[in-house]
N, C-alpha and C. Protein backbone atom coordinates (compact mmCIF):
# COMPACT_ATOMS: atom_id res chain seq x y z
N MET A 1 -4.21 20.38 41.41
CA MET A 1 -3.69 21.06 40.23
C MET A 1 -4.54 22.32 40.01
N ASN A 2 -3.90 23.43 39.85
CA ASN A 2 -4.64 24.67 39.64
C ASN A 2 -5.09 24.78 38.18
N SER A 3 -5.95 25.70 37.91
CA SER A 3 -6.53 25.83 36.56
C SER A 3 -5.50 26.23 35.50
N LEU A 4 -4.52 27.00 35.89
CA LEU A 4 -3.48 27.41 34.94
C LEU A 4 -2.65 26.19 34.49
N ALA A 5 -2.28 25.35 35.45
CA ALA A 5 -1.50 24.14 35.12
C ALA A 5 -2.34 23.18 34.27
N ALA A 6 -3.62 23.03 34.61
CA ALA A 6 -4.51 22.15 33.84
C ALA A 6 -4.67 22.66 32.41
N THR A 7 -4.81 23.97 32.25
CA THR A 7 -4.94 24.55 30.91
C THR A 7 -3.66 24.34 30.11
N ALA A 8 -2.52 24.53 30.75
CA ALA A 8 -1.24 24.33 30.08
C ALA A 8 -1.07 22.87 29.66
N LEU A 9 -1.49 21.94 30.51
CA LEU A 9 -1.40 20.52 30.19
C LEU A 9 -2.29 20.18 29.00
N VAL A 10 -3.50 20.67 28.98
CA VAL A 10 -4.42 20.42 27.87
C VAL A 10 -3.85 20.99 26.57
N LEU A 11 -3.33 22.20 26.61
CA LEU A 11 -2.75 22.81 25.41
C LEU A 11 -1.53 22.03 24.93
N ALA A 12 -0.72 21.55 25.86
CA ALA A 12 0.45 20.75 25.48
C ALA A 12 0.01 19.45 24.82
N LEU A 13 -1.00 18.79 25.36
CA LEU A 13 -1.50 17.55 24.77
C LEU A 13 -2.10 17.80 23.39
N VAL A 14 -2.83 18.85 23.23
CA VAL A 14 -3.39 19.20 21.91
C VAL A 14 -2.26 19.48 20.92
N GLY A 15 -1.23 20.17 21.36
CA GLY A 15 -0.09 20.46 20.48
C GLY A 15 0.63 19.20 20.05
N VAL A 16 0.90 18.29 20.99
CA VAL A 16 1.57 17.04 20.66
C VAL A 16 0.71 16.21 19.71
N ALA A 17 -0.59 16.11 19.99
CA ALA A 17 -1.49 15.35 19.13
C ALA A 17 -1.54 15.95 17.72
N THR A 18 -1.51 17.25 17.62
CA THR A 18 -1.51 17.91 16.31
C THR A 18 -0.24 17.60 15.54
N VAL A 19 0.89 17.69 16.18
CA VAL A 19 2.16 17.39 15.51
C VAL A 19 2.19 15.93 15.05
N LEU A 20 1.80 15.02 15.92
CA LEU A 20 1.77 13.60 15.54
C LEU A 20 0.79 13.34 14.39
N GLY A 21 -0.34 13.99 14.42
CA GLY A 21 -1.31 13.85 13.34
C GLY A 21 -0.78 14.36 12.01
N LEU A 22 -0.06 15.48 12.05
CA LEU A 22 0.52 16.03 10.82
C LEU A 22 1.61 15.12 10.27
N ILE A 23 2.41 14.54 11.15
CA ILE A 23 3.45 13.60 10.71
C ILE A 23 2.79 12.37 10.09
N TRP A 24 1.78 11.82 10.74
CA TRP A 24 1.08 10.65 10.22
C TRP A 24 0.46 10.96 8.85
N ARG A 25 -0.19 12.09 8.75
CA ARG A 25 -0.84 12.46 7.50
C ARG A 25 0.16 12.66 6.37
N SER A 26 1.34 13.19 6.68
CA SER A 26 2.34 13.41 5.64
C SER A 26 2.86 12.11 5.05
N ARG A 27 2.73 11.03 5.79
CA ARG A 27 3.21 9.74 5.31
C ARG A 27 2.15 8.93 4.60
N GLN A 28 0.92 9.36 4.61
CA GLN A 28 -0.17 8.64 3.97
C GLN A 28 -0.05 8.74 2.46
N GLY A 29 -0.21 7.59 1.78
CA GLY A 29 -0.19 7.57 0.33
C GLY A 29 1.19 7.62 -0.28
N ARG A 30 2.21 7.66 0.53
CA ARG A 30 3.59 7.72 0.03
C ARG A 30 4.05 6.31 -0.37
N ILE A 31 4.69 6.23 -1.50
CA ILE A 31 5.20 4.95 -1.97
C ILE A 31 6.52 4.66 -1.26
N SER A 32 6.57 3.50 -0.62
CA SER A 32 7.80 3.04 0.02
C SER A 32 8.39 1.94 -0.85
N ARG A 33 9.58 2.18 -1.33
CA ARG A 33 10.23 1.17 -2.19
C ARG A 33 10.75 0.03 -1.32
N VAL A 34 10.46 -1.17 -1.76
CA VAL A 34 10.95 -2.36 -1.08
C VAL A 34 11.43 -3.34 -2.14
N SER A 35 12.27 -4.22 -1.74
CA SER A 35 12.69 -5.30 -2.62
C SER A 35 12.24 -6.57 -1.94
N GLY A 36 11.11 -7.05 -2.35
CA GLY A 36 10.48 -8.14 -1.62
C GLY A 36 10.51 -9.47 -2.32
N THR A 37 9.75 -10.35 -1.75
CA THR A 37 9.67 -11.71 -2.25
C THR A 37 8.79 -11.78 -3.49
N VAL A 38 8.92 -12.86 -4.19
CA VAL A 38 8.07 -13.12 -5.34
C VAL A 38 6.78 -13.76 -4.82
N LEU A 39 5.65 -13.22 -5.24
CA LEU A 39 4.35 -13.72 -4.81
C LEU A 39 3.63 -14.42 -5.95
N THR A 40 2.70 -15.26 -5.57
CA THR A 40 1.79 -15.89 -6.52
C THR A 40 0.39 -15.45 -6.16
N PRO A 41 -0.57 -15.62 -7.06
CA PRO A 41 -1.95 -15.26 -6.71
C PRO A 41 -2.45 -15.98 -5.45
N ALA A 42 -2.02 -17.20 -5.22
CA ALA A 42 -2.44 -17.93 -4.02
C ALA A 42 -1.95 -17.25 -2.74
N ASP A 43 -0.80 -16.58 -2.81
CA ASP A 43 -0.26 -15.89 -1.63
C ASP A 43 -1.17 -14.77 -1.14
N VAL A 44 -1.94 -14.20 -2.04
CA VAL A 44 -2.86 -13.12 -1.66
C VAL A 44 -4.31 -13.55 -1.80
N ALA A 45 -4.53 -14.85 -1.77
CA ALA A 45 -5.88 -15.44 -1.74
C ALA A 45 -6.76 -15.01 -2.91
N THR A 46 -6.21 -15.08 -4.13
CA THR A 46 -7.00 -14.76 -5.30
C THR A 46 -6.79 -15.81 -6.37
N ASP A 47 -7.79 -15.96 -7.23
CA ASP A 47 -7.69 -16.88 -8.36
C ASP A 47 -7.32 -16.12 -9.64
N HIS A 48 -7.29 -14.81 -9.57
CA HIS A 48 -7.00 -13.99 -10.74
C HIS A 48 -5.50 -13.98 -11.03
N ALA A 49 -5.16 -13.99 -12.29
CA ALA A 49 -3.75 -13.97 -12.70
C ALA A 49 -3.15 -12.58 -12.48
N PHE A 50 -1.86 -12.57 -12.20
CA PHE A 50 -1.14 -11.31 -12.09
C PHE A 50 -0.91 -10.74 -13.49
N GLY A 51 -0.63 -9.44 -13.54
CA GLY A 51 -0.38 -8.78 -14.81
C GLY A 51 0.98 -9.15 -15.39
N ALA A 52 1.07 -9.10 -16.71
CA ALA A 52 2.32 -9.43 -17.39
C ALA A 52 3.42 -8.43 -17.07
N HIS A 53 3.04 -7.15 -16.83
CA HIS A 53 4.04 -6.11 -16.55
C HIS A 53 4.04 -5.68 -15.09
N ALA A 54 2.88 -5.65 -14.46
CA ALA A 54 2.79 -5.23 -13.06
C ALA A 54 1.42 -5.60 -12.51
N THR A 55 1.36 -5.67 -11.18
CA THR A 55 0.10 -5.95 -10.49
C THR A 55 -0.01 -5.01 -9.31
N LEU A 56 -1.19 -4.43 -9.14
CA LEU A 56 -1.49 -3.56 -8.00
C LEU A 56 -2.39 -4.36 -7.07
N VAL A 57 -1.86 -4.82 -5.94
CA VAL A 57 -2.62 -5.63 -4.99
C VAL A 57 -3.07 -4.72 -3.86
N GLN A 58 -4.37 -4.50 -3.79
CA GLN A 58 -4.95 -3.62 -2.77
C GLN A 58 -5.57 -4.47 -1.67
N PHE A 59 -5.13 -4.26 -0.44
CA PHE A 59 -5.74 -4.90 0.71
C PHE A 59 -6.79 -3.95 1.28
N SER A 60 -8.01 -4.44 1.42
CA SER A 60 -9.09 -3.58 1.89
C SER A 60 -10.03 -4.36 2.80
N THR A 61 -10.96 -3.64 3.40
CA THR A 61 -11.99 -4.23 4.24
C THR A 61 -13.32 -3.58 3.88
N PRO A 62 -14.43 -4.24 4.18
CA PRO A 62 -15.75 -3.66 3.84
C PRO A 62 -16.04 -2.35 4.57
N TRP A 63 -15.48 -2.14 5.74
CA TRP A 63 -15.76 -0.93 6.52
C TRP A 63 -14.75 0.19 6.28
N CYS A 64 -13.86 0.00 5.36
CA CYS A 64 -12.86 1.03 5.04
C CYS A 64 -13.51 2.10 4.16
N ALA A 65 -13.53 3.34 4.64
CA ALA A 65 -14.17 4.43 3.90
C ALA A 65 -13.37 4.84 2.67
N ARG A 66 -12.04 4.69 2.70
CA ARG A 66 -11.20 5.14 1.58
C ARG A 66 -10.92 4.04 0.56
N CYS A 67 -11.28 2.81 0.88
CA CYS A 67 -10.97 1.69 -0.02
C CYS A 67 -11.70 1.73 -1.36
N PRO A 68 -13.01 2.05 -1.41
CA PRO A 68 -13.67 2.09 -2.72
C PRO A 68 -13.05 3.12 -3.67
N GLY A 69 -12.73 4.29 -3.16
CA GLY A 69 -12.09 5.31 -4.00
C GLY A 69 -10.70 4.88 -4.45
N THR A 70 -9.97 4.24 -3.56
CA THR A 70 -8.64 3.74 -3.92
C THR A 70 -8.77 2.65 -4.98
N GLY A 71 -9.77 1.80 -4.83
CA GLY A 71 -10.00 0.75 -5.82
C GLY A 71 -10.32 1.32 -7.19
N ARG A 72 -11.14 2.36 -7.23
CA ARG A 72 -11.45 2.99 -8.51
C ARG A 72 -10.21 3.62 -9.13
N LEU A 73 -9.40 4.30 -8.30
CA LEU A 73 -8.18 4.93 -8.78
C LEU A 73 -7.22 3.88 -9.35
N LEU A 74 -6.98 2.82 -8.60
CA LEU A 74 -6.06 1.77 -9.05
C LEU A 74 -6.61 1.05 -10.28
N GLY A 75 -7.93 0.88 -10.33
CA GLY A 75 -8.56 0.28 -11.51
C GLY A 75 -8.35 1.12 -12.76
N ARG A 76 -8.49 2.44 -12.62
CA ARG A 76 -8.25 3.35 -13.76
C ARG A 76 -6.79 3.30 -14.21
N VAL A 77 -5.88 3.25 -13.24
CA VAL A 77 -4.45 3.16 -13.58
C VAL A 77 -4.19 1.87 -14.34
N ALA A 78 -4.72 0.76 -13.85
CA ALA A 78 -4.51 -0.53 -14.50
C ALA A 78 -5.14 -0.56 -15.88
N ASP A 79 -6.32 0.00 -16.02
CA ASP A 79 -7.00 0.02 -17.33
C ASP A 79 -6.24 0.86 -18.35
N ALA A 80 -5.52 1.86 -17.88
CA ALA A 80 -4.80 2.76 -18.78
C ALA A 80 -3.47 2.19 -19.26
N ARG A 81 -3.06 1.08 -18.66
CA ARG A 81 -1.73 0.52 -18.99
C ARG A 81 -1.87 -0.93 -19.38
N SER A 82 -1.27 -1.29 -20.48
CA SER A 82 -1.27 -2.67 -20.96
C SER A 82 -0.44 -3.55 -20.02
N GLY A 83 -0.97 -4.70 -19.68
CA GLY A 83 -0.23 -5.65 -18.86
C GLY A 83 -0.24 -5.36 -17.38
N VAL A 84 -1.06 -4.41 -16.94
CA VAL A 84 -1.15 -4.09 -15.51
C VAL A 84 -2.53 -4.51 -15.02
N VAL A 85 -2.55 -5.19 -13.87
CA VAL A 85 -3.79 -5.70 -13.29
C VAL A 85 -3.94 -5.13 -11.88
N HIS A 86 -5.19 -4.81 -11.52
CA HIS A 86 -5.51 -4.39 -10.16
C HIS A 86 -6.31 -5.50 -9.49
N LEU A 87 -5.86 -5.93 -8.32
CA LEU A 87 -6.57 -6.93 -7.53
C LEU A 87 -6.94 -6.34 -6.18
N ASP A 88 -8.19 -6.49 -5.79
CA ASP A 88 -8.66 -6.01 -4.49
C ASP A 88 -8.86 -7.23 -3.60
N VAL A 89 -8.09 -7.31 -2.52
CA VAL A 89 -8.13 -8.46 -1.63
C VAL A 89 -8.77 -8.04 -0.31
N ASP A 90 -9.91 -8.66 0.03
CA ASP A 90 -10.60 -8.37 1.28
C ASP A 90 -9.87 -9.12 2.41
N VAL A 91 -9.29 -8.39 3.33
CA VAL A 91 -8.54 -8.99 4.42
C VAL A 91 -9.30 -8.97 5.75
N SER A 92 -10.60 -8.69 5.69
CA SER A 92 -11.37 -8.56 6.93
C SER A 92 -11.39 -9.85 7.74
N GLU A 93 -11.28 -10.99 7.11
CA GLU A 93 -11.27 -12.25 7.83
C GLU A 93 -10.02 -13.07 7.50
N ARG A 94 -8.95 -12.39 7.12
CA ARG A 94 -7.72 -13.08 6.73
C ARG A 94 -6.55 -12.57 7.57
N ALA A 95 -6.53 -12.99 8.82
CA ALA A 95 -5.44 -12.58 9.72
C ALA A 95 -4.09 -13.05 9.22
N ASP A 96 -4.07 -14.16 8.48
CA ASP A 96 -2.80 -14.66 7.95
C ASP A 96 -2.20 -13.68 6.95
N ILE A 97 -3.02 -13.11 6.09
CA ILE A 97 -2.54 -12.14 5.11
C ILE A 97 -2.13 -10.84 5.81
N ILE A 98 -2.94 -10.41 6.77
CA ILE A 98 -2.63 -9.19 7.51
C ILE A 98 -1.27 -9.32 8.20
N SER A 99 -1.04 -10.46 8.80
CA SER A 99 0.22 -10.69 9.51
C SER A 99 1.39 -10.81 8.53
N ARG A 100 1.22 -11.60 7.48
CA ARG A 100 2.33 -11.84 6.54
C ARG A 100 2.81 -10.55 5.89
N PHE A 101 1.86 -9.68 5.51
CA PHE A 101 2.21 -8.46 4.78
C PHE A 101 2.22 -7.22 5.67
N SER A 102 2.13 -7.41 6.97
CA SER A 102 2.17 -6.30 7.94
C SER A 102 1.20 -5.18 7.57
N VAL A 103 -0.05 -5.56 7.32
CA VAL A 103 -1.08 -4.58 6.98
C VAL A 103 -1.56 -3.94 8.28
N LEU A 104 -1.22 -2.67 8.46
CA LEU A 104 -1.61 -1.94 9.67
C LEU A 104 -2.81 -1.06 9.44
N GLN A 105 -3.15 -0.82 8.17
CA GLN A 105 -4.31 -0.01 7.83
C GLN A 105 -4.80 -0.40 6.45
N THR A 106 -6.03 -0.07 6.19
CA THR A 106 -6.55 -0.24 4.84
C THR A 106 -6.98 1.12 4.34
N PRO A 107 -6.74 1.39 3.08
CA PRO A 107 -6.12 0.51 2.10
C PRO A 107 -4.60 0.48 2.24
N THR A 108 -4.05 -0.68 1.95
CA THR A 108 -2.61 -0.86 1.77
C THR A 108 -2.45 -1.50 0.40
N THR A 109 -1.54 -1.00 -0.40
CA THR A 109 -1.34 -1.50 -1.76
C THR A 109 0.09 -1.97 -1.93
N LEU A 110 0.23 -3.16 -2.52
CA LEU A 110 1.54 -3.66 -2.93
C LEU A 110 1.65 -3.50 -4.43
N ILE A 111 2.79 -3.05 -4.89
CA ILE A 111 3.04 -2.93 -6.33
C ILE A 111 4.04 -4.02 -6.70
N LEU A 112 3.59 -4.94 -7.55
CA LEU A 112 4.42 -6.07 -7.97
C LEU A 112 4.89 -5.84 -9.40
N ASP A 113 6.08 -6.33 -9.70
CA ASP A 113 6.54 -6.27 -11.09
C ASP A 113 5.96 -7.45 -11.88
N GLY A 114 6.36 -7.59 -13.11
CA GLY A 114 5.82 -8.65 -13.96
C GLY A 114 6.15 -10.05 -13.48
N ALA A 115 7.19 -10.20 -12.68
CA ALA A 115 7.57 -11.50 -12.14
C ALA A 115 6.84 -11.79 -10.82
N GLY A 116 6.04 -10.84 -10.34
CA GLY A 116 5.32 -11.03 -9.08
C GLY A 116 6.12 -10.61 -7.86
N ARG A 117 7.25 -9.95 -8.06
CA ARG A 117 8.09 -9.50 -6.96
C ARG A 117 7.55 -8.17 -6.41
N VAL A 118 7.46 -8.09 -5.10
CA VAL A 118 7.00 -6.85 -4.47
C VAL A 118 8.07 -5.79 -4.67
N GLN A 119 7.70 -4.69 -5.31
CA GLN A 119 8.62 -3.58 -5.57
C GLN A 119 8.37 -2.40 -4.66
N ALA A 120 7.11 -2.25 -4.22
CA ALA A 120 6.76 -1.09 -3.39
C ALA A 120 5.48 -1.37 -2.64
N ARG A 121 5.23 -0.55 -1.63
CA ARG A 121 3.96 -0.62 -0.90
C ARG A 121 3.51 0.80 -0.59
N VAL A 122 2.21 0.95 -0.49
CA VAL A 122 1.61 2.24 -0.19
C VAL A 122 0.62 2.03 0.94
N ALA A 123 0.78 2.78 2.02
CA ALA A 123 -0.18 2.77 3.12
C ALA A 123 -1.05 4.00 2.95
N GLY A 124 -2.34 3.77 2.81
CA GLY A 124 -3.26 4.88 2.59
C GLY A 124 -3.59 5.03 1.12
N VAL A 125 -4.14 6.17 0.77
CA VAL A 125 -4.58 6.43 -0.60
C VAL A 125 -3.42 6.99 -1.41
N PRO A 126 -3.02 6.29 -2.47
CA PRO A 126 -1.93 6.78 -3.30
C PRO A 126 -2.42 7.83 -4.29
N SER A 127 -1.49 8.53 -4.91
CA SER A 127 -1.87 9.42 -6.00
C SER A 127 -1.64 8.67 -7.31
N ALA A 128 -2.48 8.93 -8.28
CA ALA A 128 -2.36 8.27 -9.58
C ALA A 128 -1.00 8.60 -10.21
N ALA A 129 -0.54 9.83 -10.08
CA ALA A 129 0.74 10.22 -10.67
C ALA A 129 1.88 9.42 -10.07
N ASP A 130 1.87 9.21 -8.76
CA ASP A 130 2.92 8.43 -8.11
C ASP A 130 2.90 6.98 -8.57
N ILE A 131 1.70 6.41 -8.71
CA ILE A 131 1.58 5.02 -9.17
C ILE A 131 2.10 4.91 -10.61
N HIS A 132 1.68 5.83 -11.48
CA HIS A 132 2.16 5.80 -12.86
C HIS A 132 3.68 5.94 -12.92
N ARG A 133 4.23 6.83 -12.12
CA ARG A 133 5.67 7.04 -12.10
C ARG A 133 6.39 5.77 -11.67
N HIS A 134 5.86 5.10 -10.65
CA HIS A 134 6.50 3.88 -10.18
C HIS A 134 6.36 2.75 -11.22
N LEU A 135 5.23 2.68 -11.87
CA LEU A 135 5.06 1.67 -12.92
C LEU A 135 6.02 1.93 -14.08
N ASP A 136 6.27 3.19 -14.39
CA ASP A 136 7.27 3.53 -15.42
C ASP A 136 8.66 3.04 -14.99
N GLU A 137 8.99 3.23 -13.72
CA GLU A 137 10.29 2.78 -13.21
C GLU A 137 10.41 1.26 -13.28
N ILE A 138 9.33 0.57 -12.97
CA ILE A 138 9.34 -0.90 -13.06
C ILE A 138 9.57 -1.32 -14.51
N ALA A 139 8.90 -0.64 -15.44
CA ALA A 139 9.02 -0.99 -16.85
C ALA A 139 10.45 -0.77 -17.37
N GLU A 140 11.13 0.21 -16.81
CA GLU A 140 12.49 0.54 -17.26
C GLU A 140 13.57 -0.29 -16.57
N ALA A 141 13.24 -0.89 -15.43
CA ALA A 141 14.25 -1.61 -14.64
C ALA A 141 14.53 -2.98 -15.25
N PRO A 142 15.79 -3.41 -15.18
CA PRO A 142 16.11 -4.76 -15.66
C PRO A 142 15.49 -5.80 -14.74
N ALA A 143 15.08 -6.91 -15.29
CA ALA A 143 14.45 -7.97 -14.51
C ALA A 143 15.49 -8.67 -13.64
N LYS A 144 15.09 -9.00 -12.40
CA LYS A 144 15.95 -9.74 -11.48
C LYS A 144 15.39 -11.14 -11.31
N SER A 145 16.27 -12.06 -11.02
CA SER A 145 15.79 -13.41 -10.74
C SER A 145 15.24 -13.46 -9.33
N PRO A 146 14.33 -14.40 -9.00
CA PRO A 146 13.74 -14.45 -7.67
C PRO A 146 14.77 -14.64 -6.56
N THR A 147 15.92 -15.19 -6.84
CA THR A 147 16.92 -15.41 -5.79
C THR A 147 17.70 -14.15 -5.42
N GLU A 148 17.55 -13.08 -6.20
CA GLU A 148 18.30 -11.86 -5.93
C GLU A 148 17.69 -11.00 -4.83
N SER A 149 16.45 -11.26 -4.44
CA SER A 149 15.83 -10.40 -3.43
C SER A 149 16.26 -10.86 -2.04
N SER A 150 16.43 -9.90 -1.14
CA SER A 150 16.86 -10.24 0.19
C SER A 150 15.94 -9.69 1.27
N VAL A 151 15.18 -8.66 0.98
CA VAL A 151 14.27 -8.07 1.95
C VAL A 151 12.89 -8.63 1.71
N HIS A 152 12.24 -9.10 2.77
CA HIS A 152 10.91 -9.69 2.63
C HIS A 152 9.86 -8.73 3.15
N VAL A 153 8.74 -8.71 2.45
CA VAL A 153 7.64 -7.84 2.85
C VAL A 153 6.65 -8.64 3.65
């Protein structure tokens, strides 16, 4: 392979990697709406009660650099709203939780309504404004019975 072809190959690989990185980054922190199953605190390995209006379940690991900041952000959101609870679940040794909830990265956050039904998930660091907006939508939505959900998270 001559030097011109090698240089072109390297530039092409850098270009592809850059495009893929930009696509990945654009999807970080975005709220994905889901209509999931109803969860209990035992399902996410916690003894803490869920919130009366909503629960923010954050999956994290000790080596996650973005998890502490996400935890503080979600804690502030929960503290600012009545009936909203933030739970931080360490999944570093819980392959069952990672598999059940398809956690591909930390932080991953599930947003549950007052009935414990998964309404949305966020991969990466969410924005406080997006979380508040989604909590407002949950508060305005009519309650569904647990049998009405069909998509599982």
